[in-house]
């Protein structure tokens, strides 16, 4: 029934094939680490480590006391999405982002 002998002996639970397929097809390179820091002037700087690029944030989708994150628009026109946090974080912070 199971291709792995340890699974047939009940040692491990089988993983649904759909979950395995989803994991194998995920493009982990599309989610780079980014560092966001606040400059002395109060402007947010967005550093994309994988590309060694630093840009200024021109707009944040959610920038409130109870929700921070979402879509970030940079001054060069590119957009990234960071899962919203329940409150603004202390800076600097490193997060995972994906192209929006």
Protein backbone atom coordinates (compact mmCIF):
# COMPACT_ATOMS: atom_id res chain seq x y z
CA UNK A 1 0.00 0.00 0.00
CA UNK A 2 2.75 2.49 0.92
CA UNK A 3 5.93 2.79 -1.16
CA UNK A 4 8.02 3.53 1.93
CA UNK A 5 8.41 0.47 4.21
CA UNK A 6 8.56 2.61 7.36
CA UNK A 7 5.12 3.98 6.52
CA UNK A 8 3.62 0.52 6.18
CA UNK A 9 4.87 -0.29 9.69
CA UNK A 10 3.02 2.70 11.12
CA UNK A 11 6.14 4.65 12.05
CA UNK A 12 5.18 7.77 10.12
CA UNK A 13 1.96 9.23 8.84
CA UNK A 14 1.71 9.45 5.07
CA UNK A 15 1.73 12.95 3.61
CA UNK A 16 -1.10 13.67 1.18
CA UNK A 17 0.21 13.76 -2.38
CA UNK A 18 -1.45 17.12 -3.01
CA UNK A 19 0.60 18.70 -0.21
CA UNK A 20 3.81 17.17 -1.58
CA UNK A 21 3.02 18.47 -5.06
CA UNK A 22 2.24 21.94 -3.71
CA UNK A 23 5.54 22.05 -1.82
CA UNK A 24 7.52 20.85 -4.86
CA UNK A 25 5.98 23.47 -7.13
CA UNK A 26 6.45 26.41 -4.72
CA UNK A 27 8.94 28.95 -6.01
CA UNK A 28 10.86 29.82 -2.87
CA UNK A 29 13.08 32.23 -4.84
CA UNK A 30 10.04 34.48 -5.29
CA UNK A 31 10.08 35.27 -1.57
CA UNK A 32 13.30 37.11 -0.85
CA UNK A 33 14.38 38.35 2.55
CA UNK A 34 14.01 42.10 2.80
CA UNK A 35 15.19 44.45 5.49
CA UNK A 36 13.14 47.50 6.31
CA UNK A 37 14.66 50.29 8.35
CA UNK A 38 13.60 53.78 9.30
CA UNK A 39 16.02 56.54 8.34
CA UNK A 40 16.65 59.50 10.66
CA UNK A 41 14.27 61.54 8.51
CA UNK A 42 11.46 59.04 9.17
CA UNK A 43 11.51 57.62 5.63
CA UNK A 44 11.42 53.82 5.29
CA UNK A 45 14.22 52.12 3.38
CA UNK A 46 13.54 48.71 1.74
CA UNK A 47 16.65 46.54 1.15
CA UNK A 48 16.31 43.44 -1.04
CA UNK A 49 19.21 41.22 -0.01
CA UNK A 50 19.06 38.82 -2.96
CA UNK A 51 19.38 41.68 -5.47
CA UNK A 52 21.56 43.95 -3.31
CA UNK A 53 19.11 46.78 -4.04
CA UNK A 54 17.95 49.48 -1.65
CA UNK A 55 14.94 51.68 -2.43
CA UNK A 56 12.77 54.11 -0.53
CA UNK A 57 9.21 53.08 0.33
CA UNK A 58 6.71 55.49 -1.24
CA UNK A 59 3.52 53.79 0.03
CA UNK A 60 2.44 51.08 2.50
CA UNK A 61 -1.01 49.52 2.18
CA UNK A 62 -1.54 49.24 5.95
CA UNK A 63 0.31 51.72 8.15
CA UNK A 64 -1.90 51.92 11.23
CA UNK A 65 -1.46 51.17 14.91
CA UNK A 66 -3.46 47.92 14.64
CA UNK A 67 -2.20 46.70 11.23
CA UNK A 68 1.08 47.14 9.37
CA UNK A 69 2.24 45.67 6.07
CA UNK A 70 0.48 44.51 2.92
CA UNK A 71 1.59 45.97 -0.39
CA UNK A 72 4.73 48.12 -0.38
CA UNK A 73 5.31 50.45 -3.33
CA UNK A 74 8.90 51.54 -3.86
CA UNK A 75 10.11 54.74 -5.51
CA UNK A 76 11.27 52.79 -8.58
CA UNK A 77 7.66 51.61 -9.11
CA UNK A 78 8.16 47.99 -8.01
CA UNK A 79 5.69 46.47 -5.56
CA UNK A 80 6.19 43.83 -2.88
CA UNK A 81 3.77 42.17 -0.49
CA UNK A 82 4.51 41.42 3.16
CA UNK A 83 1.92 39.62 5.25
CA UNK A 84 0.32 42.25 7.51
CA UNK A 85 1.48 42.33 11.12
CA UNK A 86 -0.84 43.16 14.04
CA UNK A 87 1.17 46.30 14.89
CA UNK A 88 4.03 48.32 13.45
CA UNK A 89 7.31 46.52 14.25
CA UNK A 90 10.41 48.03 15.77
CA UNK A 91 12.98 48.85 13.11
CA UNK A 92 15.10 47.53 11.53
CA UNK A 93 13.27 44.29 10.71
CA UNK A 94 13.90 41.45 8.28
CA UNK A 95 10.85 39.84 6.69
CA UNK A 96 9.90 37.61 3.75
CA UNK A 97 8.33 39.45 0.85
CA UNK A 98 6.96 38.50 -2.54
CA UNK A 99 6.35 40.53 -5.66
CA UNK A 100 2.89 42.04 -5.69
